[in-house]
PDB file of N, CA and C in Angstrom:
ATOM      1  N   UNK A   1       0.786  -1.316  -0.204  1.00  0.00           N
ATOM      2  CA  UNK A   1      -0.068  -0.089   0.154  1.00  0.00           C
ATOM      3  C   UNK A   1       0.833   1.185   0.074  1.00  0.00           C
ATOM      4  N   UNK A   2       1.958   1.272   0.741  1.00  0.00           N
ATOM      5  CA  UNK A   2       2.870   2.276   0.907  1.00  0.00           C
ATOM      6  C   UNK A   2       3.508   3.007  -0.691  1.00  0.00           C
ATOM      7  N   UNK A   3       3.740   1.614  -1.218  1.00  0.00           N
ATOM      8  CA  UNK A   3       4.348   2.001  -3.000  1.00  0.00           C
ATOM      9  C   UNK A   3       3.426   2.716  -3.756  1.00  0.00           C
ATOM     10  N   UNK A   4       1.984   2.224  -3.408  1.00  0.00           N
ATOM     11  CA  UNK A   4       0.922   2.940  -4.132  1.00  0.00           C
ATOM     12  C   UNK A   4       0.921   4.527  -3.773  1.00  0.00           C
ATOM     13  N   UNK A   5       0.929   4.689  -2.318  1.00  0.00           N
ATOM     14  CA  UNK A   5       0.837   6.240  -2.045  1.00  0.00           C
ATOM     15  C   UNK A   5       2.107   6.771  -2.707  1.00  0.00           C
ATOM     16  N   UNK A   6       3.120   6.355  -2.674  1.00  0.00           N
ATOM     17  CA  UNK A   6       4.273   6.990  -3.169  1.00  0.00           C
ATOM     18  C   UNK A   6       3.886   7.430  -4.792  1.00  0.00           C
ATOM     19  N   UNK A   7       3.661   6.249  -5.420  1.00  0.00           N
ATOM     20  CA  UNK A   7       3.289   6.201  -6.813  1.00  0.00           C
ATOM     21  C   UNK A   7       2.391   7.578  -6.993  1.00  0.00           C
ATOM     22  N   UNK A   8       1.394   7.483  -6.313  1.00  0.00           N
ATOM     23  CA  UNK A   8       0.331   8.451  -6.737  1.00  0.00           C
ATOM     24  C   UNK A   8       0.564   9.792  -6.523  1.00  0.00           C
ATOM     25  N   UNK A   9       1.509   9.974  -5.426  1.00  0.00           N
ATOM     26  CA  UNK A   9       1.946  11.311  -4.780  1.00  0.00           C
ATOM     27  C   UNK A   9       3.082  12.025  -5.904  1.00  0.00           C
ATOM     28  N   UNK A  10       3.467  11.141  -6.918  1.00  0.00           N
ATOM     29  CA  UNK A  10       4.748  11.704  -7.722  1.00  0.00           C
ATOM     30  C   UNK A  10       4.035  11.624  -9.185  1.00  0.00           C
ATOM     31  N   UNK A  11       4.615  12.528 -10.141  1.00  0.00           N
ATOM     32  CA  UNK A  11       4.220  12.637 -11.302  1.00  0.00           C
ATOM     33  C   UNK A  11       5.219  11.965 -12.186  1.00  0.00           C
ATOM     34  N   UNK A  12       6.334  11.579 -11.860  1.00  0.00           N
ATOM     35  CA  UNK A  12       7.352  10.811 -12.737  1.00  0.00           C
ATOM     36  C   UNK A  12       8.135   9.673 -11.943  1.00  0.00           C
ATOM     37  N   UNK A  13       9.001   9.222 -12.396  1.00  0.00           N
ATOM     38  CA  UNK A  13       9.738   7.843 -12.190  1.00  0.00           C
ATOM     39  C   UNK A  13      11.136   8.419 -11.345  1.00  0.00           C
ATOM     40  N   UNK A  14      11.141   9.398 -10.971  1.00  0.00           N
ATOM     41  CA  UNK A  14      12.627   9.822 -10.662  1.00  0.00           C
ATOM     42  C   UNK A  14      12.814  10.070  -9.118  1.00  0.00           C
ATOM     43  N   UNK A  15      11.747   9.582  -8.379  1.00  0.00           N
ATOM     44  CA  UNK A  15      11.716   9.936  -6.937  1.00  0.00           C
ATOM     45  C   UNK A  15      13.004   9.327  -6.247  1.00  0.00           C
ATOM     46  N   UNK A  16      13.680   8.317  -6.873  1.00  0.00           N
ATOM     47  CA  UNK A  16      15.189   7.834  -5.984  1.00  0.00           C
ATOM     48  C   UNK A  16      16.129   8.766  -6.524  1.00  0.00           C
ATOM     49  N   UNK A  17      16.009   9.023  -7.472  1.00  0.00           N
ATOM     50  CA  UNK A  17      17.078   9.679  -8.333  1.00  0.00           C
ATOM     51  C   UNK A  17      16.981  11.369  -7.619  1.00  0.00           C
ATOM     52  N   UNK A  18      16.147  11.921  -7.494  1.00  0.00           N
ATOM     53  CA  UNK A  18      15.965  13.301  -6.872  1.00  0.00           C
ATOM     54  C   UNK A  18      16.235  13.009  -5.339  1.00  0.00           C
ATOM     55  N   UNK A  19      16.062  11.841  -4.773  1.00  0.00           N
ATOM     56  CA  UNK A  19      16.455  11.784  -3.155  1.00  0.00           C
ATOM     57  C   UNK A  19      18.111  11.535  -3.303  1.00  0.00           C
ATOM     58  N   UNK A  20      18.628  10.773  -4.197  1.00  0.00           N
ATOM     59  CA  UNK A  20      20.208  10.624  -4.014  1.00  0.00           C
ATOM     60  C   UNK A  20      20.865  11.662  -4.178  1.00  0.00           C
ATOM     61  N   UNK A  21      20.351  12.675  -5.124  1.00  0.00           N
ATOM     62  CA  UNK A  21      20.939  14.042  -5.686  1.00  0.00           C
ATOM     63  C   UNK A  21      21.114  14.655  -4.269  1.00  0.00           C
ATOM     64  N   UNK A  22      19.913  15.052  -3.868  1.00  0.00           N
ATOM     65  CA  UNK A  22      19.582  15.596  -2.569  1.00  0.00           C
ATOM     66  C   UNK A  22      20.366  15.480  -1.414  1.00  0.00           C
ATOM     67  N   UNK A  23      20.599  14.015  -1.255  1.00  0.00           N
ATOM     68  CA  UNK A  23      21.471  13.820   0.087  1.00  0.00           C
ATOM     69  C   UNK A  23      22.852  13.883  -0.348  1.00  0.00           C
ATOM     70  N   UNK A  24      23.375  13.678  -1.412  1.00  0.00           N
ATOM     71  CA  UNK A  24      24.865  13.941  -2.174  1.00  0.00           C
ATOM     72  C   UNK A  24      25.026  15.313  -2.004  1.00  0.00           C
ATOM     73  N   UNK A  25      24.183  16.342  -2.365  1.00  0.00           N
ATOM     74  CA  UNK A  25      24.449  17.953  -2.094  1.00  0.00           C
ATOM     75  C   UNK A  25      24.330  18.379  -1.043  1.00  0.00           C
ATOM     76  N   UNK A  26      23.489  17.731  -0.193  1.00  0.00           N
ATOM     77  CA  UNK A  26      23.979  17.885   1.225  1.00  0.00           C
ATOM     78  C   UNK A  26      24.950  17.519   2.230  1.00  0.00           C
ATOM     79  N   UNK A  27      25.673  16.664   1.538  1.00  0.00           N
ATOM     80  CA  UNK A  27      26.847  15.893   2.044  1.00  0.00           C
ATOM     81  C   UNK A  27      28.393  16.895   1.165  1.00  0.00           C
ATOM     82  N   UNK A  28      27.990  17.887   0.147  1.00  0.00           N
ATOM     83  CA  UNK A  28      28.903  18.577  -0.276  1.00  0.00           C
ATOM     84  C   UNK A  28      29.676  17.654  -1.255  1.00  0.00           C
ATOM     85  N   UNK A  29      29.274  16.378  -2.016  1.00  0.00           N
ATOM     86  CA  UNK A  29      30.119  15.471  -2.521  1.00  0.00           C
ATOM     87  C   UNK A  29      29.847  15.938  -3.901  1.00  0.00           C
ATOM     88  N   UNK A  30      30.670  15.540  -4.787  1.00  0.00           N
ATOM     89  CA  UNK A  30      30.715  15.521  -6.468  1.00  0.00           C
ATOM     90  C   UNK A  30      30.285  14.315  -6.782  1.00  0.00           C
ATOM     91  N   UNK A  31      29.545  14.120  -7.857  1.00  0.00           N
ATOM     92  CA  UNK A  31      29.182  12.739  -8.675  1.00  0.00           C
ATOM     93  C   UNK A  31      30.211  11.978  -8.720  1.00  0.00           C
ATOM     94  N   UNK A  32      31.457  12.372  -8.919  1.00  0.00           N
ATOM     95  CA  UNK A  32      32.661  11.444  -9.357  1.00  0.00           C
ATOM     96  C   UNK A  32      33.025  10.919  -8.188  1.00  0.00           C
ATOM     97  N   UNK A  33      32.790  11.581  -6.902  1.00  0.00           N
ATOM     98  CA  UNK A  33      33.334  11.148  -5.616  1.00  0.00           C
ATOM     99  C   UNK A  33      32.181   9.891  -5.442  1.00  0.00           C
ATOM    100  N   UNK A  34      31.243  10.173  -5.552  1.00  0.00           N
ATOM    101  CA  UNK A  34      29.997   8.762  -5.042  1.00  0.00           C
ATOM    102  C   UNK A  34      30.539   7.892  -6.095  1.00  0.00           C
ATOM    103  N   UNK A  35      30.565   8.260  -7.443  1.00  0.00           N
ATOM    104  CA  UNK A  35      30.676   7.043  -8.347  1.00  0.00           C
ATOM    105  C   UNK A  35      31.905   6.072  -8.121  1.00  0.00           C
ATOM    106  N   UNK A  36      33.144   7.013  -7.689  1.00  0.00           N
ATOM    107  CA  UNK A  36      34.461   6.201  -7.124  1.00  0.00           C
ATOM    108  C   UNK A  36      33.966   5.358  -6.013  1.00  0.00           C
ATOM    109  N   UNK A  37      33.310   5.874  -4.969  1.00  0.00           N
ATOM    110  CA  UNK A  37      32.767   5.141  -3.675  1.00  0.00           C
ATOM    111  C   UNK A  37      32.348   3.926  -4.099  1.00  0.00           C
ATOM    112  N   UNK A  38      31.351   4.027  -5.156  1.00  0.00           N
ATOM    113  CA  UNK A  38      30.405   2.762  -5.514  1.00  0.00           C
ATOM    114  C   UNK A  38      31.394   1.689  -6.438  1.00  0.00           C
ATOM    115  N   UNK A  39      32.704   2.208  -6.850  1.00  0.00           N
ATOM    116  CA  UNK A  39      33.359   1.572  -7.854  1.00  0.00           C
ATOM    117  C   UNK A  39      32.357   1.435  -9.209  1.00  0.00           C
ATOM    118  N   UNK A  40      32.075   2.493  -9.610  1.00  0.00           N
ATOM    119  CA  UNK A  40      31.280   2.435 -10.566  1.00  0.00           C
ATOM    120  C   UNK A  40      31.482   3.670 -11.657  1.00  0.00           C
ATOM    121  N   UNK A  41      31.495   3.632 -13.006  1.00  0.00           N
ATOM    122  CA  UNK A  41      31.858   4.530 -13.868  1.00  0.00           C
ATOM    123  C   UNK A  41      30.905   5.733 -13.602  1.00  0.00           C
ATOM    124  N   UNK A  42      31.516   6.959 -13.681  1.00  0.00           N
ATOM    125  CA  UNK A  42      30.979   8.214 -13.286  1.00  0.00           C
ATOM    126  C   UNK A  42      29.636   8.581 -14.241  1.00  0.00           C
ATOM    127  N   UNK A  43      29.994   8.111 -15.609  1.00  0.00           N
ATOM    128  CA  UNK A  43      28.937   8.494 -16.506  1.00  0.00           C
ATOM    129  C   UNK A  43      27.562   7.472 -16.311  1.00  0.00           C
ATOM    130  N   UNK A  44      27.686   6.363 -15.621  1.00  0.00           N
ATOM    131  CA  UNK A  44      26.501   5.490 -15.344  1.00  0.00           C
ATOM    132  C   UNK A  44      26.116   6.110 -14.062  1.00  0.00           C
ATOM    133  N   UNK A  45      26.976   6.493 -12.978  1.00  0.00           N
ATOM    134  CA  UNK A  45      26.253   7.134 -11.823  1.00  0.00           C
ATOM    135  C   UNK A  45      25.413   8.369 -12.095  1.00  0.00           C
ATOM    136  N   UNK A  46      25.858   9.075 -12.982  1.00  0.00           N
ATOM    137  CA  UNK A  46      25.010  10.413 -13.436  1.00  0.00           C
ATOM    138  C   UNK A  46      23.793  10.026 -14.022  1.00  0.00           C
ATOM    139  N   UNK A  47      23.777   8.961 -14.930  1.00  0.00           N
ATOM    140  CA  UNK A  47      22.660   8.434 -15.490  1.00  0.00           C
ATOM    141  C   UNK A  47      21.536   7.991 -14.294  1.00  0.00           C
ATOM    142  N   UNK A  48      22.226   7.570 -13.294  1.00  0.00           N
ATOM    143  CA  UNK A  48      21.122   7.026 -12.276  1.00  0.00           C
ATOM    144  C   UNK A  48      20.603   8.040 -11.568  1.00  0.00           C
ATOM    145  N   UNK A  49      21.280   9.110 -11.211  1.00  0.00           N
ATOM    146  CA  UNK A  49      21.204  10.338 -10.610  1.00  0.00           C
ATOM    147  C   UNK A  49      19.931  11.185 -11.444  1.00  0.00           C
ATOM    148  N   UNK A  50      19.945  11.216 -12.719  1.00  0.00           N
ATOM    149  CA  UNK A  50      19.204  11.443 -13.477  1.00  0.00           C
ATOM    150  C   UNK A  50      17.850  10.899 -13.796  1.00  0.00           C
ATOM    151  N   UNK A  51      17.867   9.792 -13.297  1.00  0.00           N
ATOM    152  CA  UNK A  51      16.892   9.059 -13.381  1.00  0.00           C
ATOM    153  C   UNK A  51      16.522   8.274 -14.986  1.00  0.00           C
ATOM    154  N   UNK A  52      17.844   8.164 -15.606  1.00  0.00           N
ATOM    155  CA  UNK A  52      17.827   7.331 -16.912  1.00  0.00           C
ATOM    156  C   UNK A  52      18.012   5.966 -16.863  1.00  0.00           C
ATOM    157  N   UNK A  53      18.838   5.661 -15.712  1.00  0.00           N
ATOM    158  CA  UNK A  53      19.121   4.263 -15.438  1.00  0.00           C
ATOM    159  C   UNK A  53      18.606   4.140 -13.997  1.00  0.00           C
ATOM    160  N   UNK A  54      18.333   2.747 -13.694  1.00  0.00           N
ATOM    161  CA  UNK A  54      17.762   2.381 -12.491  1.00  0.00           C
ATOM    162  C   UNK A  54      19.357   1.593 -11.785  1.00  0.00           C
ATOM    163  N   UNK A  55      19.395   1.836 -10.435  1.00  0.00           N
ATOM    164  CA  UNK A  55      20.609   1.552  -9.764  1.00  0.00           C
ATOM    165  C   UNK A  55      20.244  -0.105  -9.438  1.00  0.00           C
ATOM    166  N   UNK A  56      21.212  -0.800  -9.160  1.00  0.00           N
ATOM    167  CA  UNK A  56      21.296  -2.041  -8.523  1.00  0.00           C
ATOM    168  C   UNK A  56      21.052  -1.835  -7.075  1.00  0.00           C
ATOM    169  N   UNK A  57      20.130  -3.135  -6.196  1.00  0.00           N
ATOM    170  CA  UNK A  57      20.045  -3.191  -5.105  1.00  0.00           C
ATOM    171  C   UNK A  57      21.321  -2.930  -4.331  1.00  0.00           C
ATOM    172  N   UNK A  58      22.150  -3.262  -4.576  1.00  0.00           N
ATOM    173  CA  UNK A  58      23.574  -3.396  -3.679  1.00  0.00           C
ATOM    174  C   UNK A  58      24.066  -2.107  -3.905  1.00  0.00           C
ATOM    175  N   UNK A  59      23.647  -1.306  -4.797  1.00  0.00           N
ATOM    176  CA  UNK A  59      24.329   0.193  -4.934  1.00  0.00           C
ATOM    177  C   UNK A  59      23.343   1.141  -4.069  1.00  0.00           C
ATOM    178  N   UNK A  60      22.187   0.810  -3.959  1.00  0.00           N
ATOM    179  CA  UNK A  60      21.141   1.519  -3.103  1.00  0.00           C
ATOM    180  C   UNK A  60      21.413   1.472  -1.559  1.00  0.00           C
ATOM    181  N   UNK A  61      22.050   0.357  -1.415  1.00  0.00           N
ATOM    182  CA  UNK A  61      22.158   0.113   0.209  1.00  0.00           C
ATOM    183  C   UNK A  61      23.928   0.864   0.271  1.00  0.00           C
ATOM    184  N   UNK A  62      24.490   0.734  -0.590  1.00  0.00           N
ATOM    185  CA  UNK A  62      25.942   1.437  -0.545  1.00  0.00           C
ATOM    186  C   UNK A  62      25.932   3.195  -0.468  1.00  0.00           C
ATOM    187  N   UNK A  63      24.699   3.813  -1.214  1.00  0.00           N
ATOM    188  CA  UNK A  63      24.451   4.830  -1.107  1.00  0.00           C
ATOM    189  C   UNK A  63      23.901   5.312  -0.076  1.00  0.00           C
ATOM    190  N   UNK A  64      23.003   4.598   0.828  1.00  0.00           N
ATOM    191  CA  UNK A  64      22.400   4.805   1.759  1.00  0.00           C
ATOM    192  C   UNK A  64      23.494   5.000   3.149  1.00  0.00           C
ATOM    193  N   UNK A  65      24.659   4.117   3.098  1.00  0.00           N
ATOM    194  CA  UNK A  65      25.348   4.454   3.823  1.00  0.00           C
ATOM    195  C   UNK A  65      26.278   5.711   3.477  1.00  0.00           C
ATOM    196  N   UNK A  66      26.851   5.723   2.351  1.00  0.00           N
ATOM    197  CA  UNK A  66      27.777   6.708   2.156  1.00  0.00           C
ATOM    198  C   UNK A  66      27.135   7.957   1.955  1.00  0.00           C
ATOM    199  N   UNK A  67      25.753   8.247   1.864  1.00  0.00           N
ATOM    200  CA  UNK A  67      25.073   9.565   1.999  1.00  0.00           C
ATOM    201  C   UNK A  67      24.541   9.704   3.571  1.00  0.00           C
ATOM    202  N   UNK A  68      24.562   9.014   4.063  1.00  0.00           N
ATOM    203  CA  UNK A  68      23.851   9.090   5.677  1.00  0.00           C
ATOM    204  C   UNK A  68      22.169   9.065   5.440  1.00  0.00           C
ATOM    205  N   UNK A  69      21.750   8.129   4.370  1.00  0.00           N
ATOM    206  CA  UNK A  69      20.451   8.022   4.210  1.00  0.00           C
ATOM    207  C   UNK A  69      19.872   7.083   4.842  1.00  0.00           C
ATOM    208  N   UNK A  70      18.468   6.961   5.053  1.00  0.00           N
ATOM    209  CA  UNK A  70      17.670   5.868   5.522  1.00  0.00           C
ATOM    210  C   UNK A  70      17.781   4.954   4.463  1.00  0.00           C
ATOM    211  N   UNK A  71      18.227   3.545   4.698  1.00  0.00           N
ATOM    212  CA  UNK A  71      18.272   2.637   3.782  1.00  0.00           C
ATOM    213  C   UNK A  71      16.763   2.062   3.302  1.00  0.00           C
ATOM    214  N   UNK A  72      15.635   2.046   4.345  1.00  0.00           N
ATOM    215  CA  UNK A  72      14.769   1.419   4.109  1.00  0.00           C
ATOM    216  C   UNK A  72      13.784   2.571   3.083  1.00  0.00           C
ATOM    217  N   UNK A  73      14.088   3.985   3.356  1.00  0.00           N
ATOM    218  CA  UNK A  73      13.369   4.737   2.750  1.00  0.00           C
ATOM    219  C   UNK A  73      13.961   4.673   1.092  1.00  0.00           C
ATOM    220  N   UNK A  74      15.120   4.594   1.110  1.00  0.00           N
ATOM    221  CA  UNK A  74      16.039   4.535  -0.419  1.00  0.00           C
ATOM    222  C   UNK A  74      15.456   3.403  -1.050  1.00  0.00           C
ATOM    223  N   UNK A  75      15.492   2.354  -0.241  1.00  0.00           N
ATOM    224  CA  UNK A  75      14.891   1.111  -1.073  1.00  0.00           C
ATOM    225  C   UNK A  75      13.596   1.285  -1.495  1.00  0.00           C
ATOM    226  N   UNK A  76      12.609   2.106  -0.666  1.00  0.00           N
ATOM    227  CA  UNK A  76      11.274   2.080  -0.966  1.00  0.00           C
ATOM    228  C   UNK A  76      11.233   2.827  -2.329  1.00  0.00           C
ATOM    229  N   UNK A  77      12.010   4.085  -2.424  1.00  0.00           N
ATOM    230  CA  UNK A  77      11.924   4.850  -3.562  1.00  0.00           C
ATOM    231  C   UNK A  77      12.358   4.294  -4.900  1.00  0.00           C
ATOM    232  N   UNK A  78      13.228   3.501  -4.562  1.00  0.00           N
ATOM    233  CA  UNK A  78      13.901   2.681  -5.759  1.00  0.00           C
ATOM    234  C   UNK A  78      12.730   1.705  -6.050  1.00  0.00           C
ATOM    235  N   UNK A  79      12.390   0.913  -5.151  1.00  0.00           N
ATOM    236  CA  UNK A  79      11.388   0.042  -5.788  1.00  0.00           C
ATOM    237  C   UNK A  79      10.198   0.547  -6.327  1.00  0.00           C
ATOM    238  N   UNK A  80       9.748   1.759  -5.704  1.00  0.00           N
ATOM    239  CA  UNK A  80       8.729   2.555  -6.373  1.00  0.00           C
ATOM    240  C   UNK A  80       8.980   2.997  -7.767  1.00  0.00           C
ATOM    241  N   UNK A  81      10.264   3.440  -7.911  1.00  0.00           N
ATOM    242  CA  UNK A  81      10.482   3.608  -9.408  1.00  0.00           C
ATOM    243  C   UNK A  81      10.457   2.598 -10.309  1.00  0.00           C
ATOM    244  N   UNK A  82      10.812   1.565  -9.892  1.00  0.00           N
ATOM    245  CA  UNK A  82      10.869   0.171 -10.708  1.00  0.00           C
ATOM    246  C   UNK A  82       9.534  -0.140 -10.947  1.00  0.00           C
ATOM    247  N   UNK A  83       8.679  -0.219  -9.968  1.00  0.00           N
ATOM    248  CA  UNK A  83       7.222  -0.554 -10.334  1.00  0.00           C
ATOM    249  C   UNK A  83       6.593   0.477 -11.315  1.00  0.00           C
ATOM    250  N   UNK A  84       6.891   1.820 -10.876  1.00  0.00           N
ATOM    251  CA  UNK A  84       6.375   2.994 -11.827  1.00  0.00           C
ATOM    252  C   UNK A  84       6.763   2.711 -13.017  1.00  0.00           C
ATOM    253  N   UNK A  85       8.043   2.595 -13.267  1.00  0.00           N
ATOM    254  CA  UNK A  85       8.335   2.194 -14.812  1.00  0.00           C
ATOM    255  C   UNK A  85       7.544   0.856 -15.491  1.00  0.00           C
ATOM    256  N   UNK A  86       7.164   0.052 -14.880  1.00  0.00           N
ATOM    257  CA  UNK A  86       6.689  -1.393 -15.201  1.00  0.00           C
ATOM    258  C   UNK A  86       5.361  -0.825 -15.588  1.00  0.00           C
ATOM    259  N   UNK A  87       4.499   0.378 -14.679  1.00  0.00           N
ATOM    260  CA  UNK A  87       3.123   0.101 -14.892  1.00  0.00           C
ATOM    261  C   UNK A  87       2.467   1.367 -15.448  1.00  0.00           C
ATOM    262  N   UNK A  88       3.475   2.398 -15.648  1.00  0.00           N
ATOM    263  CA  UNK A  88       2.864   3.472 -15.880  1.00  0.00           C
ATOM    264  C   UNK A  88       2.040   3.983 -17.264  1.00  0.00           C
ATOM    265  N   UNK A  89       2.441   3.109 -18.347  1.00  0.00           N
ATOM    266  CA  UNK A  89       1.266   3.470 -19.414  1.00  0.00           C
ATOM    267  C   UNK A  89       0.191   2.276 -19.308  1.00  0.00           C
ATOM    268  N   UNK A  90       0.011   1.342 -18.528  1.00  0.00           N
ATOM    269  CA  UNK A  90      -1.099   0.551 -18.196  1.00  0.00           C
ATOM    270  C   UNK A  90      -2.018   1.223 -18.259  1.00  0.00           C
ATOM    271  N   UNK A  91      -3.312   0.761 -18.547  1.00  0.00           N
ATOM    272  CA  UNK A  91      -4.722   1.030 -18.187  1.00  0.00           C
ATOM    273  C   UNK A  91      -5.053   0.509 -16.637  1.00  0.00           C
ATOM    274  N   UNK A  92      -6.069   1.012 -16.041  1.00  0.00           N
ATOM    275  CA  UNK A  92      -6.327   0.409 -14.638  1.00  0.00           C
ATOM    276  C   UNK A  92      -5.332   0.070 -13.715  1.00  0.00           C
ATOM    277  N   UNK A  93      -4.276   1.102 -13.956  1.00  0.00           N
ATOM    278  CA  UNK A  93      -3.024   0.875 -12.797  1.00  0.00           C
ATOM    279  C   UNK A  93      -3.466   0.790 -11.404  1.00  0.00           C
ATOM    280  N   UNK A  94      -4.282   1.745 -11.209  1.00  0.00           N
ATOM    281  CA  UNK A  94      -4.796   1.544  -9.542  1.00  0.00           C
ATOM    282  C   UNK A  94      -5.386   0.161  -9.289  1.00  0.00           C
ATOM    283  N   UNK A  95      -6.097  -0.261  -9.931  1.00  0.00           N
ATOM    284  CA  UNK A  95      -6.777  -1.508  -9.611  1.00  0.00           C
ATOM    285  C   UNK A  95      -5.590  -2.690  -9.750  1.00  0.00           C
ATOM    286  N   UNK A  96      -4.710  -2.682 -10.363  1.00  0.00           N
ATOM    287  CA  UNK A  96      -3.658  -3.523 -10.546  1.00  0.00           C
ATOM    288  C   UNK A  96      -2.921  -3.261  -9.298  1.00  0.00           C
ATOM    289  N   UNK A  97      -2.309  -2.226  -9.039  1.00  0.00           N
ATOM    290  CA  UNK A  97      -1.656  -2.074  -7.896  1.00  0.00           C
ATOM    291  C   UNK A  97      -2.397  -2.640  -6.651  1.00  0.00           C
ATOM    292  N   UNK A  98      -3.684  -2.196  -6.343  1.00  0.00           N
ATOM    293  CA  UNK A  98      -4.495  -2.915  -5.484  1.00  0.00           C
ATOM    294  C   UNK A  98      -4.695  -4.364  -5.418  1.00  0.00           C
ATOM    295  N   UNK A  99      -4.463  -4.778  -6.342  1.00  0.00           N
ATOM    296  CA  UNK A  99      -4.788  -6.338  -6.495  1.00  0.00           C
ATOM    297  C   UNK A  99      -3.187  -6.606  -5.790  1.00  0.00           C
ATOM    298  N   UNK A 100      -2.330  -6.061  -6.412  1.00  0.00           N
ATOM    299  CA  UNK A 100      -0.770  -6.585  -5.876  1.00  0.00           C
ATOM    300  C   UNK A 100      -0.581  -6.275  -4.595  1.00  0.00           C
ATOM    301  N   UNK A 101      -1.078  -5.350  -3.848  1.00  0.00           N
ATOM    302  CA  UNK A 101      -1.055  -4.870  -2.513  1.00  0.00           C
ATOM    303  C   UNK A 101      -1.764  -5.907  -1.637  1.00  0.00           C
ATOM    304  N   UNK A 102      -2.937  -6.280  -2.082  1.00  0.00           N
ATOM    305  CA  UNK A 102      -3.843  -7.170  -1.384  1.00  0.00           C
ATOM    306  C   UNK A 102      -3.039  -8.413  -1.443  1.00  0.00           C
ATOM    307  N   UNK A 103      -2.406  -9.032  -2.456  1.00  0.00           N
ATOM    308  CA  UNK A 103      -1.978 -10.352  -2.566  1.00  0.00           C
ATOM    309  C   UNK A 103      -0.652 -10.416  -1.431  1.00  0.00           C
ATOM    310  N   UNK A 104      -0.041  -9.316  -1.341  1.00  0.00           N
ATOM    311  CA  UNK A 104       1.201  -9.150  -0.701  1.00  0.00           C
ATOM    312  C   UNK A 104       0.978  -9.325   0.738  1.00  0.00           C
ATOM    313  N   UNK A 105      -0.174  -8.476   1.187  1.00  0.00           N
ATOM    314  CA  UNK A 105      -0.984  -8.652   2.493  1.00  0.00           C
ATOM    315  C   UNK A 105      -1.198  -9.831   2.891  1.00  0.00           C
ATOM    316  N   UNK A 106      -1.783 -10.756   1.941  1.00  0.00           N
ATOM    317  CA  UNK A 106      -2.321 -11.913   2.339  1.00  0.00           C
ATOM    318  C   UNK A 106      -1.087 -12.879   2.375  1.00  0.00           C
ATOM    319  N   UNK A 107      -0.421 -12.939   1.442  1.00  0.00           N
ATOM    320  CA  UNK A 107       1.137 -13.467   1.459  1.00  0.00           C
ATOM    321  C   UNK A 107       1.747 -13.530   2.700  1.00  0.00           C
ATOM    322  N   UNK A 108       1.813 -12.176   3.226  1.00  0.00           N
ATOM    323  CA  UNK A 108       2.636 -11.855   4.639  1.00  0.00           C
ATOM    324  C   UNK A 108       1.996 -12.552   6.026  1.00  0.00           C
ATOM    325  N   UNK A 109       0.296 -12.263   5.654  1.00  0.00           N
ATOM    326  CA  UNK A 109      -0.357 -12.897   6.614  1.00  0.00           C
ATOM    327  C   UNK A 109      -0.076 -14.629   7.098  1.00  0.00           C
ATOM    328  N   UNK A 110      -0.376 -15.106   5.551  1.00  0.00           N
ATOM    329  CA  UNK A 110      -0.028 -16.478   5.631  1.00  0.00           C
ATOM    330  C   UNK A 110       1.273 -17.185   6.335  1.00  0.00           C
ATOM    331  N   UNK A 111       2.230 -16.214   5.865  1.00  0.00           N
ATOM    332  CA  UNK A 111       3.668 -16.412   5.871  1.00  0.00           C
ATOM    333  C   UNK A 111       3.660 -16.419   7.539  1.00  0.00           C
ATOM    334  N   UNK A 112       3.123 -15.490   8.576  1.00  0.00           N
ATOM    335  CA  UNK A 112       3.357 -15.412   9.790  1.00  0.00           C
ATOM    336  C   UNK A 112       2.464 -16.725  10.604  1.00  0.00           C
ATOM    337  N   UNK A 113       1.494 -17.333   9.790  1.00  0.00           N
ATOM    338  CA  UNK A 113       0.757 -18.183  10.740  1.00  0.00           C
ATOM    339  C   UNK A 113       1.687 -19.441  10.796  1.00  0.00           C
TER     340      UNK A 113
END
């Protein structure tokens, strides 16, 4: 349900990119410093920060540590962007997301039993 709220509150799929840019700037780091810390090509990191490429999960975790960000929050934005990219042009997207959300809740409830 939280992902649905994030998706409906944004107009584009760059929530993660905007967040890491903001965190990087708050730490007064250059993109090349971050890409070096991630052991990644600077051009690739720039594309991730622009929202043109999706980061790998492992990079999200490293970014949270490097930028003193909340790992859980960054992972939520990262995943929300991935979901948004997948469903943005589909009809009945709200219905689809609600079905997915209900199934996840049911799965977690059964898993706890």
